[in-house]
Amino acid sequence: MPIRRTSPARALFLVTLVAGALAVGGCGSDSSKSGASSSPAATSATTTPAGPRPAATTTVTVDDMKFSPANLTVKVGDTVQWKFSDKAPHAVQGIGDAAMGINSPIIRTGEWSYTFTTAGTFRYLCPLHPEMKGVVTVEQ
């Protein structure tokens, strides 16, 4: 049977893998009974890497003849929910080509949501009260 040599890079990988497994497994000892404290290396070996950020929902209230907050920043994939609770009816309508899909029905009380799938700056207003304006900035 031929002897197989391990490259230095592979050997380093294997040593790192075993050390990580020992740090996670604790070599079968109970550190709470032995009085041992965890080291920064052991702590970092047990943390899981951050995955993709889950989508978020941000609420804009529509009350007292204004959008609040009027300007907000979200990430691609996030949803903005407008909650209507004013005495007068309102709507959300995008301004310009980038915001053409933002177009709610006229609502007095209730909610309407829009999920932003591309980065950019999206301006909107209430078509019934054009002085009511807002901006959603969507980042990657």
C-alpha atoms as a PDB file:
ATOM      1  CA  MET A   1       0.000   0.000   0.000  1.00  0.00           C
ATOM      2  CA  PRO A   2       1.537   3.364  -1.016  1.00  0.00           C
ATOM      3  CA  ILE A   3       2.236   6.003   1.628  1.00  0.00           C
ATOM      4  CA  ARG A   4       0.251   9.214   1.096  1.00  0.00           C
ATOM      5  CA  ARG A   5       1.876  12.473   2.076  1.00  0.00           C
ATOM      6  CA  THR A   6      -0.215  15.375   3.380  1.00  0.00           C
ATOM      7  CA  SER A   7       0.554  18.866   2.131  1.00  0.00           C
ATOM      8  CA  PRO A   8       1.310  21.570   4.757  1.00  0.00           C
ATOM      9  CA  ALA A   9      -1.911  23.405   3.830  1.00  0.00           C
ATOM     10  CA  ARG A  10      -4.003  20.249   4.282  1.00  0.00           C
ATOM     11  CA  ALA A  11      -2.262  19.478   7.588  1.00  0.00           C
ATOM     12  CA  LEU A  12      -3.000  23.009   8.846  1.00  0.00           C
ATOM     13  CA  PHE A  13      -6.624  22.617   7.783  1.00  0.00           C
ATOM     14  CA  LEU A  14      -6.946  19.320   9.641  1.00  0.00           C
ATOM     15  CA  VAL A  15      -5.340  20.749  12.800  1.00  0.00           C
ATOM     16  CA  THR A  16      -7.704  23.738  12.652  1.00  0.00           C
ATOM     17  CA  LEU A  17     -10.688  21.446  12.113  1.00  0.00           C
ATOM     18  CA  VAL A  18      -9.773  19.240  15.087  1.00  0.00           C
ATOM     19  CA  ALA A  19      -9.092  22.263  17.313  1.00  0.00           C
ATOM     20  CA  GLY A  20     -12.459  23.729  16.380  1.00  0.00           C
ATOM     21  CA  ALA A  21     -14.231  20.457  17.124  1.00  0.00           C
ATOM     22  CA  LEU A  22     -12.510  20.264  20.495  1.00  0.00           C
ATOM     23  CA  ALA A  23     -13.455  23.850  21.316  1.00  0.00           C
ATOM     24  CA  VAL A  24     -17.096  23.181  20.462  1.00  0.00           C
ATOM     25  CA  GLY A  25     -17.216  19.786  22.150  1.00  0.00           C
ATOM     26  CA  GLY A  26     -15.149  20.838  25.140  1.00  0.00           C
ATOM     27  CA  CYS A  27     -13.141  17.553  25.095  1.00  0.00           C
ATOM     28  CA  GLY A  28     -15.935  15.901  27.059  1.00  0.00           C
ATOM     29  CA  SER A  29     -15.273  17.925  30.210  1.00  0.00           C
ATOM     30  CA  ASP A  30     -17.812  20.050  32.022  1.00  0.00           C
ATOM     31  CA  SER A  31     -16.208  23.509  32.235  1.00  0.00           C
ATOM     32  CA  SER A  32     -18.792  24.672  34.786  1.00  0.00           C
ATOM     33  CA  LYS A  33     -17.513  22.066  37.259  1.00  0.00           C
ATOM     34  CA  SER A  34     -13.808  22.558  36.593  1.00  0.00           C
ATOM     35  CA  GLY A  35     -13.883  26.339  36.957  1.00  0.00           C
ATOM     36  CA  ALA A  36     -12.475  26.869  33.468  1.00  0.00           C
ATOM     37  CA  SER A  37     -13.509  29.986  31.615  1.00  0.00           C
ATOM     38  CA  SER A  38     -14.116  30.215  27.917  1.00  0.00           C
ATOM     39  CA  SER A  39     -11.491  31.916  25.804  1.00  0.00           C
ATOM     40  CA  PRO A  40     -12.228  34.340  22.955  1.00  0.00           C
ATOM     41  CA  ALA A  41     -11.114  31.648  20.491  1.00  0.00           C
ATOM     42  CA  ALA A  42     -13.615  29.160  21.904  1.00  0.00           C
ATOM     43  CA  THR A  43     -16.366  31.751  21.838  1.00  0.00           C
ATOM     44  CA  SER A  44     -15.755  32.695  18.211  1.00  0.00           C
ATOM     45  CA  ALA A  45     -15.573  29.035  17.206  1.00  0.00           C
ATOM     46  CA  THR A  46     -19.098  28.425  18.519  1.00  0.00           C
ATOM     47  CA  THR A  47     -20.823  31.401  16.945  1.00  0.00           C
ATOM     48  CA  THR A  48     -22.693  30.831  13.726  1.00  0.00           C
ATOM     49  CA  PRO A  49     -21.966  33.068  10.780  1.00  0.00           C
ATOM     50  CA  ALA A  50     -24.605  35.669  10.006  1.00  0.00           C
ATOM     51  CA  GLY A  51     -26.787  34.601   7.107  1.00  0.00           C
ATOM     52  CA  PRO A  52     -28.965  36.802   4.976  1.00  0.00           C
ATOM     53  CA  ARG A  53     -30.887  39.392   6.920  1.00  0.00           C
ATOM     54  CA  PRO A  54     -34.586  38.548   7.159  1.00  0.00           C
ATOM     55  CA  ALA A  55     -36.907  40.986   5.433  1.00  0.00           C
ATOM     56  CA  ALA A  56     -38.339  43.673   7.684  1.00  0.00           C
ATOM     57  CA  THR A  57     -41.574  45.630   7.720  1.00  0.00           C
ATOM     58  CA  THR A  58     -41.578  49.349   8.488  1.00  0.00           C
ATOM     59  CA  THR A  59     -44.802  51.173   9.301  1.00  0.00           C
ATOM     60  CA  VAL A  60     -45.731  54.653   8.120  1.00  0.00           C
ATOM     61  CA  THR A  61     -48.739  56.142   9.865  1.00  0.00           C
ATOM     62  CA  VAL A  62     -51.152  58.244   7.825  1.00  0.00           C
ATOM     63  CA  ASP A  63     -52.814  60.577  10.294  1.00  0.00           C
ATOM     64  CA  ASP A  64     -53.319  64.287  10.887  1.00  0.00           C
ATOM     65  CA  MET A  65     -52.837  64.974   7.162  1.00  0.00           C
ATOM     66  CA  LYS A  66     -49.248  63.651   7.055  1.00  0.00           C
ATOM     67  CA  PHE A  67     -47.092  60.572   6.499  1.00  0.00           C
ATOM     68  CA  SER A  68     -45.007  59.756   9.554  1.00  0.00           C
ATOM     69  CA  PRO A  69     -42.152  59.213   9.118  1.00  0.00           C
ATOM     70  CA  ALA A  70     -42.157  61.093   5.843  1.00  0.00           C
ATOM     71  CA  ASN A  71     -38.628  59.906   4.946  1.00  0.00           C
ATOM     72  CA  LEU A  72     -37.322  56.451   5.685  1.00  0.00           C
ATOM     73  CA  THR A  73     -34.602  54.063   4.575  1.00  0.00           C
ATOM     74  CA  VAL A  74     -35.132  50.317   4.117  1.00  0.00           C
ATOM     75  CA  LYS A  75     -33.286  47.423   2.475  1.00  0.00           C
ATOM     76  CA  VAL A  76     -34.148  45.607  -0.756  1.00  0.00           C
ATOM     77  CA  GLY A  77     -36.811  43.013   0.061  1.00  0.00           C
ATOM     78  CA  ASP A  78     -38.278  45.025   2.941  1.00  0.00           C
ATOM     79  CA  THR A  79     -41.944  45.974   3.095  1.00  0.00           C
ATOM     80  CA  VAL A  80     -43.375  49.361   3.976  1.00  0.00           C
ATOM     81  CA  GLN A  81     -46.839  49.270   5.486  1.00  0.00           C
ATOM     82  CA  TRP A  82     -48.956  52.404   5.528  1.00  0.00           C
ATOM     83  CA  LYS A  83     -51.542  52.490   8.347  1.00  0.00           C
ATOM     84  CA  PHE A  84     -54.408  54.858   7.657  1.00  0.00           C
ATOM     85  CA  SER A  85     -56.278  56.351  10.610  1.00  0.00           C
ATOM     86  CA  ASP A  86     -57.233  59.880   9.641  1.00  0.00           C
ATOM     87  CA  LYS A  87     -60.634  61.553   9.425  1.00  0.00           C
ATOM     88  CA  ALA A  88     -60.076  62.127   5.715  1.00  0.00           C
ATOM     89  CA  PRO A  89     -59.416  59.417   3.119  1.00  0.00           C
ATOM     90  CA  HIS A  90     -55.905  59.134   1.668  1.00  0.00           C
ATOM     91  CA  ALA A  91     -53.874  57.062  -0.785  1.00  0.00           C
ATOM     92  CA  VAL A  92     -50.229  56.386  -1.565  1.00  0.00           C
ATOM     93  CA  GLN A  93     -49.159  57.125  -5.134  1.00  0.00           C
ATOM     94  CA  GLY A  94     -45.611  56.942  -6.479  1.00  0.00           C
ATOM     95  CA  ILE A  95     -44.097  59.974  -8.189  1.00  0.00           C
ATOM     96  CA  GLY A  96     -41.929  59.361 -11.265  1.00  0.00           C
ATOM     97  CA  ASP A  97     -40.989  56.295 -13.274  1.00  0.00           C
ATOM     98  CA  ALA A  98     -39.149  54.493 -10.465  1.00  0.00           C
ATOM     99  CA  ALA A  99     -42.203  54.583  -8.192  1.00  0.00           C
ATOM    100  CA  MET A 100     -44.898  53.632 -10.715  1.00  0.00           C
ATOM    101  CA  GLY A 101     -45.837  50.418  -8.867  1.00  0.00           C
ATOM    102  CA  ILE A 102     -46.619  52.280  -5.665  1.00  0.00           C
ATOM    103  CA  ASN A 103     -50.327  52.921  -6.019  1.00  0.00           C
ATOM    104  CA  SER A 104     -52.722  52.164  -3.177  1.00  0.00           C
ATOM    105  CA  PRO A 105     -56.494  52.455  -3.268  1.00  0.00           C
ATOM    106  CA  ILE A 106     -58.121  55.349  -1.442  1.00  0.00           C
ATOM    107  CA  ILE A 107     -58.344  54.352   2.218  1.00  0.00           C
ATOM    108  CA  ARG A 108     -59.737  56.070   5.318  1.00  0.00           C
ATOM    109  CA  THR A 109     -58.841  53.412   7.886  1.00  0.00           C
ATOM    110  CA  GLY A 110     -56.862  50.255   7.338  1.00  0.00           C
ATOM    111  CA  GLU A 111     -53.507  49.246   5.915  1.00  0.00           C
ATOM    112  CA  TRP A 112     -51.729  48.941   2.586  1.00  0.00           C
ATOM    113  CA  SER A 113     -48.265  47.479   1.989  1.00  0.00           C
ATOM    114  CA  TYR A 114     -45.619  47.548  -0.716  1.00  0.00           C
ATOM    115  CA  THR A 115     -42.471  45.386  -0.897  1.00  0.00           C
ATOM    116  CA  PHE A 116     -39.440  47.099  -2.438  1.00  0.00           C
ATOM    117  CA  THR A 117     -37.500  44.749  -4.720  1.00  0.00           C
ATOM    118  CA  THR A 118     -34.936  47.172  -6.165  1.00  0.00           C
ATOM    119  CA  ALA A 119     -32.635  49.783  -4.703  1.00  0.00           C
ATOM    120  CA  GLY A 120     -33.369  53.440  -5.341  1.00  0.00           C
ATOM    121  CA  THR A 121     -35.213  56.502  -4.128  1.00  0.00           C
ATOM    122  CA  PHE A 122     -38.983  56.301  -4.314  1.00  0.00           C
ATOM    123  CA  ARG A 123     -41.007  59.484  -3.861  1.00  0.00           C
ATOM    124  CA  TYR A 124     -44.724  59.334  -3.175  1.00  0.00           C
ATOM    125  CA  LEU A 125     -47.679  61.542  -2.246  1.00  0.00           C
ATOM    126  CA  CYS A 126     -51.345  61.408  -1.427  1.00  0.00           C
ATOM    127  CA  PRO A 127     -53.150  62.161  -4.719  1.00  0.00           C
ATOM    128  CA  LEU A 128     -56.082  63.634  -2.781  1.00  0.00           C
ATOM    129  CA  HIS A 129     -53.806  65.915  -0.724  1.00  0.00           C
ATOM    130  CA  PRO A 130     -50.656  66.573  -2.821  1.00  0.00           C
ATOM    131  CA  GLU A 131     -49.014  68.497   0.020  1.00  0.00           C
ATOM    132  CA  MET A 132     -48.659  65.139   1.819  1.00  0.00           C
ATOM    133  CA  LYS A 133     -45.355  63.714   0.533  1.00  0.00           C
ATOM    134  CA  GLY A 134     -42.898  61.025   1.490  1.00  0.00           C
ATOM    135  CA  VAL A 135     -39.689  59.348   0.355  1.00  0.00           C
ATOM    136  CA  VAL A 136     -38.552  55.739   0.745  1.00  0.00           C
ATOM    137  CA  THR A 137     -34.839  55.164   0.129  1.00  0.00           C
ATOM    138  CA  VAL A 138     -34.087  51.514  -0.605  1.00  0.00           C
ATOM    139  CA  GLU A 139     -30.513  50.276  -0.105  1.00  0.00           C
ATOM    140  CA  GLN A 140     -28.879  46.985  -1.064  1.00  0.00           C
END
